Amino acid sequence: MSRIGKLPIALPKGVTVKAVDGVISVEGPKGKLVQNYRPEVEIEVSGDQVVVTRKDDSKGSRGFHGLYRQLISNMVVGVSSGYTRKLIISGVGYRAEVKGNLLALNLGYSTQIEFMIPSDVQIACENPTTVVVTGIDKQRVGQVSSEIRSLRTPEPYKGKGVKYEDEVIRRKVGKSGGKK
């Protein structure tokens, strides 16, 4: 039996879950999320918890069991407290600022990069070198953060670029310069 899939999902106050015709919807104080689910699993909502069970013991059912339990758990956390991802920009003259629905980034290129902010996430700049991406959908927050990071990935010699707050950049030693 799946260790993740057999755990019940506790629902915080203000969060409602409905599973009808292969579609699960989770609604809470921050918004509403909808997800389709496969017929290999059954979702039962009882009181203040959600339980995911599988119909049989086939390999596919076992895989979907844990997957959908975790997806529903992520949806519950998203609509109740939301997700946040912080990006740190390091480098001389590298900075970011929000201009309406655009994120303007100066990342050492000859032109300024304008990143269109999607409607389902919010982006804020705490200071010119810190970008905070927030939203209710964990996948979208991670995807947008990854797209911003890919504009200038951190390089291993000086560490210049856009990195996640908790990311550790493995540094390399430069040229030794003694021999010719």
N, C-alpha and C. Protein backbone atom coordinates (compact mmCIF):
# COMPACT_ATOMS: atom_id res chain seq x y z
N MET A 1 0.84 -1.18 0.00
CA MET A 1 0.00 0.00 0.00
C MET A 1 0.89 1.24 0.00
N SER A 2 0.46 2.28 -0.70
CA SER A 2 1.22 3.52 -0.78
C SER A 2 1.29 4.18 0.58
N ARG A 3 2.49 4.53 1.00
CA ARG A 3 2.64 5.19 2.29
C ARG A 3 2.08 6.59 2.27
N ILE A 4 2.24 7.28 1.16
CA ILE A 4 1.69 8.64 1.05
C ILE A 4 0.18 8.56 0.83
N GLY A 5 -0.26 7.67 -0.06
CA GLY A 5 -1.67 7.61 -0.45
C GLY A 5 -2.61 7.24 0.68
N LYS A 6 -2.17 6.46 1.64
CA LYS A 6 -3.09 6.03 2.69
C LYS A 6 -3.28 7.06 3.79
N LEU A 7 -2.48 8.14 3.79
CA LEU A 7 -2.63 9.18 4.80
C LEU A 7 -3.85 10.05 4.49
N PRO A 8 -4.72 10.32 5.46
CA PRO A 8 -5.84 11.22 5.20
C PRO A 8 -5.36 12.67 5.15
N ILE A 9 -6.11 13.49 4.43
CA ILE A 9 -5.78 14.91 4.30
C ILE A 9 -6.71 15.68 5.22
N ALA A 10 -6.15 16.38 6.20
CA ALA A 10 -6.95 17.18 7.12
C ALA A 10 -7.32 18.49 6.45
N LEU A 11 -8.59 18.88 6.58
CA LEU A 11 -9.06 20.13 5.98
C LEU A 11 -9.09 21.23 7.04
N PRO A 12 -8.37 22.34 6.82
CA PRO A 12 -8.45 23.46 7.75
C PRO A 12 -9.80 24.16 7.65
N LYS A 13 -10.10 25.03 8.61
CA LYS A 13 -11.38 25.76 8.59
C LYS A 13 -11.46 26.63 7.35
N GLY A 14 -12.64 26.66 6.75
CA GLY A 14 -12.87 27.49 5.58
C GLY A 14 -12.54 26.84 4.26
N VAL A 15 -12.09 25.58 4.27
CA VAL A 15 -11.74 24.88 3.02
C VAL A 15 -12.79 23.81 2.76
N THR A 16 -13.36 23.82 1.55
CA THR A 16 -14.33 22.80 1.16
C THR A 16 -13.81 22.04 -0.05
N VAL A 17 -14.08 20.74 -0.06
CA VAL A 17 -13.63 19.87 -1.15
C VAL A 17 -14.83 19.15 -1.71
N LYS A 18 -14.94 19.13 -3.06
CA LYS A 18 -16.02 18.41 -3.73
C LYS A 18 -15.41 17.56 -4.82
N ALA A 19 -15.81 16.28 -4.87
CA ALA A 19 -15.34 15.36 -5.91
C ALA A 19 -16.54 14.83 -6.67
N VAL A 20 -16.71 15.27 -7.92
CA VAL A 20 -17.87 14.87 -8.72
C VAL A 20 -17.41 14.57 -10.14
N ASP A 21 -17.76 13.39 -10.67
CA ASP A 21 -17.54 13.01 -12.07
C ASP A 21 -16.09 13.20 -12.53
N GLY A 22 -15.14 12.71 -11.77
CA GLY A 22 -13.75 12.78 -12.17
C GLY A 22 -13.11 14.13 -12.04
N VAL A 23 -13.76 15.07 -11.36
CA VAL A 23 -13.21 16.40 -11.15
C VAL A 23 -13.28 16.72 -9.66
N ILE A 24 -12.14 17.15 -9.11
CA ILE A 24 -12.13 17.56 -7.71
C ILE A 24 -11.91 19.06 -7.65
N SER A 25 -12.71 19.75 -6.83
CA SER A 25 -12.55 21.19 -6.67
C SER A 25 -12.34 21.49 -5.20
N VAL A 26 -11.36 22.33 -4.94
CA VAL A 26 -11.01 22.74 -3.58
C VAL A 26 -11.18 24.24 -3.52
N GLU A 27 -11.97 24.70 -2.56
CA GLU A 27 -12.25 26.12 -2.43
C GLU A 27 -11.90 26.57 -1.03
N GLY A 28 -11.24 27.72 -0.93
CA GLY A 28 -10.82 28.23 0.37
C GLY A 28 -10.75 29.74 0.37
N PRO A 29 -10.20 30.32 1.42
CA PRO A 29 -10.16 31.78 1.53
C PRO A 29 -9.33 32.47 0.45
N LYS A 30 -8.32 31.81 -0.09
CA LYS A 30 -7.46 32.44 -1.10
C LYS A 30 -7.94 32.22 -2.53
N GLY A 31 -8.88 31.29 -2.76
CA GLY A 31 -9.35 31.04 -4.11
C GLY A 31 -9.85 29.63 -4.31
N LYS A 32 -9.96 29.24 -5.58
CA LYS A 32 -10.49 27.92 -5.93
C LYS A 32 -9.56 27.26 -6.93
N LEU A 33 -9.32 25.95 -6.72
CA LEU A 33 -8.51 25.15 -7.64
C LEU A 33 -9.31 23.93 -8.09
N VAL A 34 -9.15 23.54 -9.35
CA VAL A 34 -9.86 22.40 -9.92
C VAL A 34 -8.85 21.46 -10.55
N GLN A 35 -9.06 20.15 -10.36
CA GLN A 35 -8.15 19.14 -10.90
C GLN A 35 -8.95 17.93 -11.35
N ASN A 36 -8.66 17.41 -12.54
CA ASN A 36 -9.26 16.14 -12.98
C ASN A 36 -8.52 15.00 -12.31
N TYR A 37 -9.22 13.90 -12.07
CA TYR A 37 -8.54 12.72 -11.53
C TYR A 37 -8.97 11.48 -12.30
N ARG A 38 -8.11 10.47 -12.27
CA ARG A 38 -8.28 9.25 -13.03
C ARG A 38 -9.31 8.32 -12.37
N PRO A 39 -9.93 7.44 -13.13
CA PRO A 39 -10.91 6.51 -12.56
C PRO A 39 -10.29 5.41 -11.70
N GLU A 40 -8.96 5.29 -11.70
CA GLU A 40 -8.30 4.27 -10.88
C GLU A 40 -8.37 4.57 -9.39
N VAL A 41 -8.67 5.82 -9.04
CA VAL A 41 -8.73 6.20 -7.62
C VAL A 41 -10.13 6.72 -7.28
N GLU A 42 -10.48 6.60 -6.01
CA GLU A 42 -11.74 7.14 -5.50
C GLU A 42 -11.42 8.14 -4.41
N ILE A 43 -12.14 9.25 -4.41
CA ILE A 43 -11.92 10.30 -3.42
C ILE A 43 -13.16 10.43 -2.56
N GLU A 44 -12.99 10.27 -1.25
CA GLU A 44 -14.10 10.35 -0.32
C GLU A 44 -13.88 11.53 0.62
N VAL A 45 -14.86 12.44 0.66
CA VAL A 45 -14.80 13.59 1.56
C VAL A 45 -15.74 13.30 2.72
N SER A 46 -15.18 13.26 3.93
CA SER A 46 -16.01 12.98 5.10
C SER A 46 -15.63 13.94 6.22
N GLY A 47 -16.52 14.87 6.51
CA GLY A 47 -16.28 15.82 7.59
C GLY A 47 -15.10 16.73 7.30
N ASP A 48 -14.08 16.65 8.15
CA ASP A 48 -12.94 17.54 8.01
C ASP A 48 -11.70 16.82 7.47
N GLN A 49 -11.92 15.74 6.70
CA GLN A 49 -10.78 15.07 6.08
C GLN A 49 -11.16 14.46 4.74
N VAL A 50 -10.14 14.25 3.91
CA VAL A 50 -10.31 13.65 2.58
C VAL A 50 -9.45 12.39 2.55
N VAL A 51 -10.04 11.29 2.05
CA VAL A 51 -9.32 10.02 1.95
C VAL A 51 -9.32 9.59 0.49
N VAL A 52 -8.13 9.22 -0.01
CA VAL A 52 -7.98 8.74 -1.38
C VAL A 52 -7.74 7.23 -1.31
N THR A 53 -8.56 6.47 -2.05
CA THR A 53 -8.39 5.02 -2.11
C THR A 53 -8.27 4.60 -3.57
N ARG A 54 -7.70 3.41 -3.79
CA ARG A 54 -7.58 2.93 -5.16
C ARG A 54 -8.53 1.75 -5.35
N LYS A 55 -8.93 1.54 -6.60
CA LYS A 55 -9.92 0.50 -6.89
C LYS A 55 -9.32 -0.89 -6.94
N ASP A 56 -8.07 -1.02 -7.41
CA ASP A 56 -7.44 -2.34 -7.47
C ASP A 56 -5.95 -2.19 -7.17
N ASP A 57 -5.21 -3.27 -7.28
CA ASP A 57 -3.79 -3.26 -6.95
C ASP A 57 -2.88 -3.26 -8.18
N SER A 58 -3.37 -2.80 -9.31
CA SER A 58 -2.52 -2.76 -10.50
C SER A 58 -1.42 -1.70 -10.31
N LYS A 59 -0.38 -1.81 -11.11
CA LYS A 59 0.75 -0.90 -10.98
C LYS A 59 0.33 0.55 -11.22
N GLY A 60 -0.51 0.78 -12.21
CA GLY A 60 -0.99 2.13 -12.49
C GLY A 60 -1.80 2.71 -11.35
N SER A 61 -2.69 1.90 -10.78
CA SER A 61 -3.51 2.36 -9.65
C SER A 61 -2.65 2.73 -8.46
N ARG A 62 -1.63 1.94 -8.20
CA ARG A 62 -0.75 2.22 -7.07
C ARG A 62 -0.02 3.55 -7.27
N GLY A 63 0.37 3.82 -8.51
CA GLY A 63 1.06 5.08 -8.81
C GLY A 63 0.15 6.28 -8.65
N PHE A 64 -1.07 6.16 -9.17
CA PHE A 64 -2.01 7.28 -9.10
C PHE A 64 -2.50 7.53 -7.67
N HIS A 65 -2.49 6.51 -6.85
CA HIS A 65 -2.96 6.62 -5.47
C HIS A 65 -2.19 7.71 -4.72
N GLY A 66 -0.88 7.58 -4.68
CA GLY A 66 -0.05 8.56 -3.99
C GLY A 66 -0.03 9.91 -4.69
N LEU A 67 -0.06 9.88 -6.02
CA LEU A 67 -0.03 11.11 -6.80
C LEU A 67 -1.22 12.00 -6.47
N TYR A 68 -2.42 11.45 -6.57
CA TYR A 68 -3.61 12.28 -6.37
C TYR A 68 -3.78 12.71 -4.92
N ARG A 69 -3.32 11.87 -3.98
CA ARG A 69 -3.36 12.28 -2.58
C ARG A 69 -2.49 13.52 -2.39
N GLN A 70 -1.30 13.53 -2.98
CA GLN A 70 -0.39 14.66 -2.81
C GLN A 70 -0.88 15.88 -3.57
N LEU A 71 -1.46 15.69 -4.75
CA LEU A 71 -2.00 16.82 -5.49
C LEU A 71 -3.13 17.50 -4.72
N ILE A 72 -4.02 16.70 -4.11
CA ILE A 72 -5.11 17.27 -3.33
C ILE A 72 -4.56 17.98 -2.10
N SER A 73 -3.56 17.40 -1.46
CA SER A 73 -2.94 18.03 -0.31
C SER A 73 -2.33 19.38 -0.69
N ASN A 74 -1.66 19.44 -1.83
CA ASN A 74 -1.09 20.70 -2.31
C ASN A 74 -2.17 21.73 -2.60
N MET A 75 -3.31 21.28 -3.14
CA MET A 75 -4.42 22.19 -3.42
C MET A 75 -4.99 22.76 -2.12
N VAL A 76 -5.13 21.92 -1.09
CA VAL A 76 -5.67 22.36 0.20
C VAL A 76 -4.74 23.40 0.83
N VAL A 77 -3.44 23.13 0.80
CA VAL A 77 -2.48 24.10 1.35
C VAL A 77 -2.50 25.39 0.54
N GLY A 78 -2.61 25.28 -0.77
CA GLY A 78 -2.63 26.46 -1.64
C GLY A 78 -3.79 27.39 -1.37
N VAL A 79 -5.01 26.84 -1.25
CA VAL A 79 -6.17 27.71 -1.05
C VAL A 79 -6.28 28.20 0.39
N SER A 80 -5.58 27.56 1.33
CA SER A 80 -5.65 28.04 2.71
C SER A 80 -4.51 29.00 3.05
N SER A 81 -3.26 28.67 2.67
CA SER A 81 -2.15 29.56 3.02
C SER A 81 -1.34 30.05 1.81
N GLY A 82 -1.39 29.36 0.69
CA GLY A 82 -0.68 29.77 -0.51
C GLY A 82 0.77 29.31 -0.52
N TYR A 83 1.44 29.55 -1.64
CA TYR A 83 2.84 29.15 -1.82
C TYR A 83 3.66 30.37 -2.19
N THR A 84 4.90 30.37 -1.74
CA THR A 84 5.82 31.48 -2.00
C THR A 84 7.17 30.93 -2.43
N ARG A 85 7.77 31.56 -3.42
CA ARG A 85 9.12 31.19 -3.85
C ARG A 85 9.92 32.48 -3.98
N LYS A 86 11.08 32.53 -3.36
CA LYS A 86 11.91 33.73 -3.37
C LYS A 86 13.12 33.52 -4.27
N LEU A 87 13.41 34.50 -5.11
CA LEU A 87 14.56 34.47 -6.00
C LEU A 87 15.52 35.59 -5.63
N ILE A 88 16.81 35.28 -5.61
CA ILE A 88 17.84 36.25 -5.27
C ILE A 88 18.64 36.55 -6.54
N ILE A 89 18.82 37.83 -6.83
CA ILE A 89 19.59 38.26 -8.00
C ILE A 89 20.93 38.76 -7.50
N SER A 90 22.03 38.19 -8.00
CA SER A 90 23.35 38.65 -7.58
C SER A 90 24.19 38.97 -8.80
N GLY A 91 24.91 40.08 -8.72
CA GLY A 91 25.75 40.55 -9.81
C GLY A 91 25.76 42.06 -9.82
N VAL A 92 26.83 42.66 -10.25
CA VAL A 92 26.95 44.11 -10.27
C VAL A 92 25.98 44.69 -11.29
N GLY A 93 25.09 45.56 -10.85
CA GLY A 93 24.11 46.19 -11.73
C GLY A 93 22.90 45.34 -12.03
N TYR A 94 22.82 44.12 -11.51
CA TYR A 94 21.67 43.26 -11.74
C TYR A 94 20.56 43.70 -10.79
N ARG A 95 19.35 43.90 -11.32
CA ARG A 95 18.22 44.29 -10.46
C ARG A 95 16.91 43.99 -11.16
N ALA A 96 15.84 44.08 -10.36
CA ALA A 96 14.50 43.82 -10.87
C ALA A 96 13.53 44.82 -10.28
N GLU A 97 12.47 45.11 -11.01
CA GLU A 97 11.39 45.94 -10.48
C GLU A 97 10.10 45.60 -11.21
N VAL A 98 8.98 45.77 -10.50
CA VAL A 98 7.67 45.49 -11.07
C VAL A 98 7.10 46.78 -11.63
N LYS A 99 6.68 46.73 -12.90
CA LYS A 99 6.06 47.89 -13.56
C LYS A 99 4.71 47.44 -14.09
N GLY A 100 3.66 47.63 -13.31
CA GLY A 100 2.32 47.18 -13.72
C GLY A 100 2.26 45.67 -13.76
N ASN A 101 1.99 45.11 -14.95
CA ASN A 101 1.96 43.65 -15.07
C ASN A 101 3.22 43.10 -15.74
N LEU A 102 4.32 43.86 -15.66
CA LEU A 102 5.61 43.44 -16.20
C LEU A 102 6.65 43.40 -15.08
N LEU A 103 7.55 42.44 -15.17
CA LEU A 103 8.71 42.39 -14.29
C LEU A 103 9.90 42.79 -15.14
N ALA A 104 10.48 43.97 -14.84
CA ALA A 104 11.61 44.48 -15.60
C ALA A 104 12.90 44.00 -14.94
N LEU A 105 13.73 43.28 -15.70
CA LEU A 105 14.95 42.69 -15.17
C LEU A 105 16.17 43.21 -15.92
N ASN A 106 17.15 43.72 -15.17
CA ASN A 106 18.46 44.07 -15.74
C ASN A 106 19.42 42.99 -15.28
N LEU A 107 19.83 42.12 -16.21
CA LEU A 107 20.63 40.96 -15.85
C LEU A 107 21.96 40.90 -16.61
N GLY A 108 22.50 42.06 -16.95
CA GLY A 108 23.81 42.08 -17.59
C GLY A 108 23.78 41.98 -19.09
N TYR A 109 22.60 41.88 -19.68
CA TYR A 109 22.49 41.87 -21.13
C TYR A 109 22.43 43.31 -21.63
N SER A 110 22.54 43.50 -22.93
CA SER A 110 22.54 44.85 -23.49
C SER A 110 21.17 45.52 -23.39
N THR A 111 20.12 44.72 -23.28
CA THR A 111 18.78 45.27 -23.15
C THR A 111 18.12 44.77 -21.87
N GLN A 112 17.13 45.50 -21.45
CA GLN A 112 16.35 45.12 -20.26
C GLN A 112 15.34 44.04 -20.66
N ILE A 113 15.18 43.02 -19.82
CA ILE A 113 14.24 41.94 -20.10
C ILE A 113 12.92 42.28 -19.41
N GLU A 114 11.83 42.19 -20.16
CA GLU A 114 10.50 42.42 -19.60
C GLU A 114 9.76 41.10 -19.57
N PHE A 115 9.48 40.61 -18.36
CA PHE A 115 8.80 39.33 -18.16
C PHE A 115 7.34 39.62 -17.84
N MET A 116 6.42 39.08 -18.66
CA MET A 116 4.99 39.29 -18.45
C MET A 116 4.53 38.46 -17.25
N ILE A 117 3.92 39.11 -16.26
CA ILE A 117 3.46 38.42 -15.06
C ILE A 117 2.14 37.73 -15.36
N PRO A 118 2.06 36.40 -15.19
CA PRO A 118 0.80 35.69 -15.44
C PRO A 118 -0.29 36.13 -14.45
N SER A 119 -1.54 35.96 -14.85
CA SER A 119 -2.65 36.43 -14.01
C SER A 119 -2.87 35.58 -12.77
N ASP A 120 -2.38 34.32 -12.77
CA ASP A 120 -2.64 33.44 -11.63
C ASP A 120 -1.55 33.46 -10.56
N VAL A 121 -0.51 34.29 -10.72
CA VAL A 121 0.51 34.45 -9.69
C VAL A 121 0.75 35.94 -9.45
N GLN A 122 1.31 36.25 -8.29
CA GLN A 122 1.68 37.63 -7.97
C GLN A 122 3.19 37.67 -7.82
N ILE A 123 3.79 38.74 -8.33
CA ILE A 123 5.23 38.93 -8.21
C ILE A 123 5.46 40.28 -7.57
N ALA A 124 6.33 40.27 -6.55
CA ALA A 124 6.69 41.51 -5.85
C ALA A 124 8.20 41.55 -5.70
N CYS A 125 8.74 42.77 -5.59
CA CYS A 125 10.16 42.95 -5.37
C CYS A 125 10.34 43.58 -3.99
N GLU A 126 10.90 42.82 -3.04
CA GLU A 126 11.15 43.35 -1.71
C GLU A 126 12.22 44.42 -1.76
N ASN A 127 13.24 44.19 -2.55
CA ASN A 127 14.29 45.16 -2.84
C ASN A 127 14.75 44.89 -4.25
N PRO A 128 15.64 45.70 -4.81
CA PRO A 128 16.03 45.49 -6.22
C PRO A 128 16.66 44.14 -6.54
N THR A 129 17.10 43.39 -5.53
CA THR A 129 17.76 42.11 -5.81
C THR A 129 16.97 40.91 -5.29
N THR A 130 15.74 41.10 -4.86
CA THR A 130 14.92 40.00 -4.36
C THR A 130 13.56 40.03 -5.04
N VAL A 131 13.19 38.90 -5.65
CA VAL A 131 11.89 38.77 -6.32
C VAL A 131 11.11 37.68 -5.58
N VAL A 132 9.85 37.99 -5.22
CA VAL A 132 9.01 37.03 -4.51
C VAL A 132 7.83 36.66 -5.40
N VAL A 133 7.70 35.36 -5.68
CA VAL A 133 6.60 34.84 -6.50
C VAL A 133 5.63 34.13 -5.56
N THR A 134 4.36 34.54 -5.55
CA THR A 134 3.36 33.92 -4.69
C THR A 134 2.13 33.53 -5.51
N GLY A 135 1.40 32.52 -5.02
CA GLY A 135 0.18 32.07 -5.68
C GLY A 135 -0.42 30.90 -4.93
N ILE A 136 -1.58 30.43 -5.41
CA ILE A 136 -2.25 29.33 -4.74
C ILE A 136 -1.94 27.98 -5.37
N ASP A 137 -1.44 27.97 -6.60
CA ASP A 137 -1.12 26.73 -7.30
C ASP A 137 0.38 26.47 -7.22
N LYS A 138 0.78 25.41 -6.54
CA LYS A 138 2.20 25.10 -6.32
C LYS A 138 2.94 24.92 -7.64
N GLN A 139 2.31 24.26 -8.59
CA GLN A 139 2.96 24.01 -9.87
C GLN A 139 3.22 25.32 -10.62
N ARG A 140 2.25 26.23 -10.62
CA ARG A 140 2.41 27.50 -11.35
C ARG A 140 3.47 28.38 -10.71
N VAL A 141 3.50 28.42 -9.38
CA VAL A 141 4.52 29.22 -8.68
C VAL A 141 5.91 28.69 -9.02
N GLY A 142 6.07 27.37 -9.01
CA GLY A 142 7.36 26.78 -9.36
C GLY A 142 7.73 27.00 -10.81
N GLN A 143 6.75 26.92 -11.71
CA GLN A 143 7.00 27.10 -13.14
C GLN A 143 7.43 28.54 -13.44
N VAL A 144 6.72 29.52 -12.88
CA VAL A 144 7.06 30.93 -13.13
C VAL A 144 8.43 31.25 -12.53
N SER A 145 8.71 30.72 -11.34
CA SER A 145 10.03 30.93 -10.72
C SER A 145 11.13 30.35 -11.59
N SER A 146 10.89 29.17 -12.14
CA SER A 146 11.86 28.53 -13.01
C SER A 146 12.10 29.33 -14.29
N GLU A 147 11.03 29.90 -14.85
CA GLU A 147 11.17 30.70 -16.07
C GLU A 147 11.99 31.96 -15.80
N ILE A 148 11.77 32.60 -14.65
CA ILE A 148 12.54 33.80 -14.30
C ILE A 148 14.01 33.42 -14.08
N ARG A 149 14.25 32.31 -13.37
CA ARG A 149 15.62 31.86 -13.11
C ARG A 149 16.35 31.53 -14.41
N SER A 150 15.64 30.98 -15.40
CA SER A 150 16.28 30.57 -16.65
C SER A 150 16.73 31.76 -17.50
N LEU A 151 16.28 32.97 -17.18
CA LEU A 151 16.71 34.15 -17.93
C LEU A 151 18.20 34.43 -17.73
N ARG A 152 18.72 34.09 -16.54
CA ARG A 152 20.16 34.20 -16.28
C ARG A 152 20.50 33.24 -15.14
N THR A 153 20.82 32.00 -15.51
CA THR A 153 21.13 31.00 -14.48
C THR A 153 22.45 31.35 -13.81
N PRO A 154 22.61 31.02 -12.53
CA PRO A 154 23.85 31.38 -11.83
C PRO A 154 25.05 30.64 -12.41
N GLU A 155 26.14 31.37 -12.54
CA GLU A 155 27.35 30.75 -13.08
C GLU A 155 28.26 30.35 -11.92
N PRO A 156 29.10 29.32 -12.10
CA PRO A 156 29.83 28.74 -10.97
C PRO A 156 31.08 29.50 -10.53
N TYR A 157 31.56 30.48 -11.28
CA TYR A 157 32.82 31.14 -10.94
C TYR A 157 32.62 32.31 -9.98
N LYS A 158 31.68 33.21 -10.29
CA LYS A 158 31.41 34.33 -9.39
C LYS A 158 30.03 34.24 -8.75
N GLY A 159 29.19 33.32 -9.22
CA GLY A 159 27.85 33.16 -8.65
C GLY A 159 26.85 34.18 -9.15
N LYS A 160 27.18 34.89 -10.24
CA LYS A 160 26.27 35.91 -10.76
C LYS A 160 25.09 35.25 -11.45
N GLY A 161 23.89 35.82 -11.28
CA GLY A 161 22.69 35.31 -11.93
C GLY A 161 21.51 35.31 -10.98
N VAL A 162 20.46 34.60 -11.37
CA VAL A 162 19.24 34.50 -10.58
C VAL A 162 19.19 33.11 -9.97
N LYS A 163 19.07 33.05 -8.64
CA LYS A 163 19.02 31.76 -7.96
C LYS A 163 17.88 31.75 -6.97
N TYR A 164 17.45 30.52 -6.60
CA TYR A 164 16.44 30.39 -5.56
C TYR A 164 17.07 30.74 -4.22
N GLU A 165 16.26 31.16 -3.27
CA GLU A 165 16.76 31.57 -1.96
C GLU A 165 17.50 30.42 -1.25
N ASP A 166 16.97 29.21 -1.36
CA ASP A 166 17.56 28.07 -0.67
C ASP A 166 18.54 27.28 -1.52
N GLU A 167 18.87 27.77 -2.71
CA GLU A 167 19.77 27.07 -3.62
C GLU A 167 21.23 27.34 -3.25
N VAL A 168 22.04 26.31 -3.34
CA VAL A 168 23.47 26.44 -3.07
C VAL A 168 24.19 26.29 -4.40
N ILE A 169 24.98 27.29 -4.76
CA ILE A 169 25.72 27.27 -6.02
C ILE A 169 27.11 26.68 -5.75
N ARG A 170 27.43 25.59 -6.42
CA ARG A 170 28.77 25.00 -6.27
C ARG A 170 29.76 25.88 -7.01
N ARG A 171 30.70 26.42 -6.28
CA ARG A 171 31.66 27.36 -6.85
C ARG A 171 32.88 26.62 -7.37
N LYS A 172 33.45 27.13 -8.47
CA LYS A 172 34.65 26.57 -9.06
C LYS A 172 35.80 27.56 -8.88
N VAL A 173 37.00 27.03 -8.84
CA VAL A 173 38.19 27.88 -8.77
C VAL A 173 38.49 28.34 -10.18
N GLY A 174 38.89 29.59 -10.33
CA GLY A 174 39.23 30.12 -11.65
C GLY A 174 40.59 29.64 -12.10
N LYS A 175 41.13 30.31 -13.11
CA LYS A 175 42.44 29.95 -13.62
C LYS A 175 43.51 30.21 -12.56
N SER A 176 44.53 29.37 -12.52
CA SER A 176 45.59 29.56 -11.53
C SER A 176 46.53 30.69 -11.94
N GLY A 177 46.74 30.90 -13.23
CA GLY A 177 47.48 32.05 -13.73
C GLY A 177 48.99 31.99 -13.59
N GLY A 178 49.56 30.98 -12.98
CA GLY A 178 51.00 30.92 -12.75
C GLY A 178 51.78 30.39 -13.96
N LYS A 179 51.27 29.41 -14.67
CA LYS A 179 52.01 28.77 -15.77
C LYS A 179 51.53 29.31 -17.12
N LYS A 180 52.46 29.27 -18.10
CA LYS A 180 52.07 29.69 -19.43
C LYS A 180 52.32 28.62 -20.43
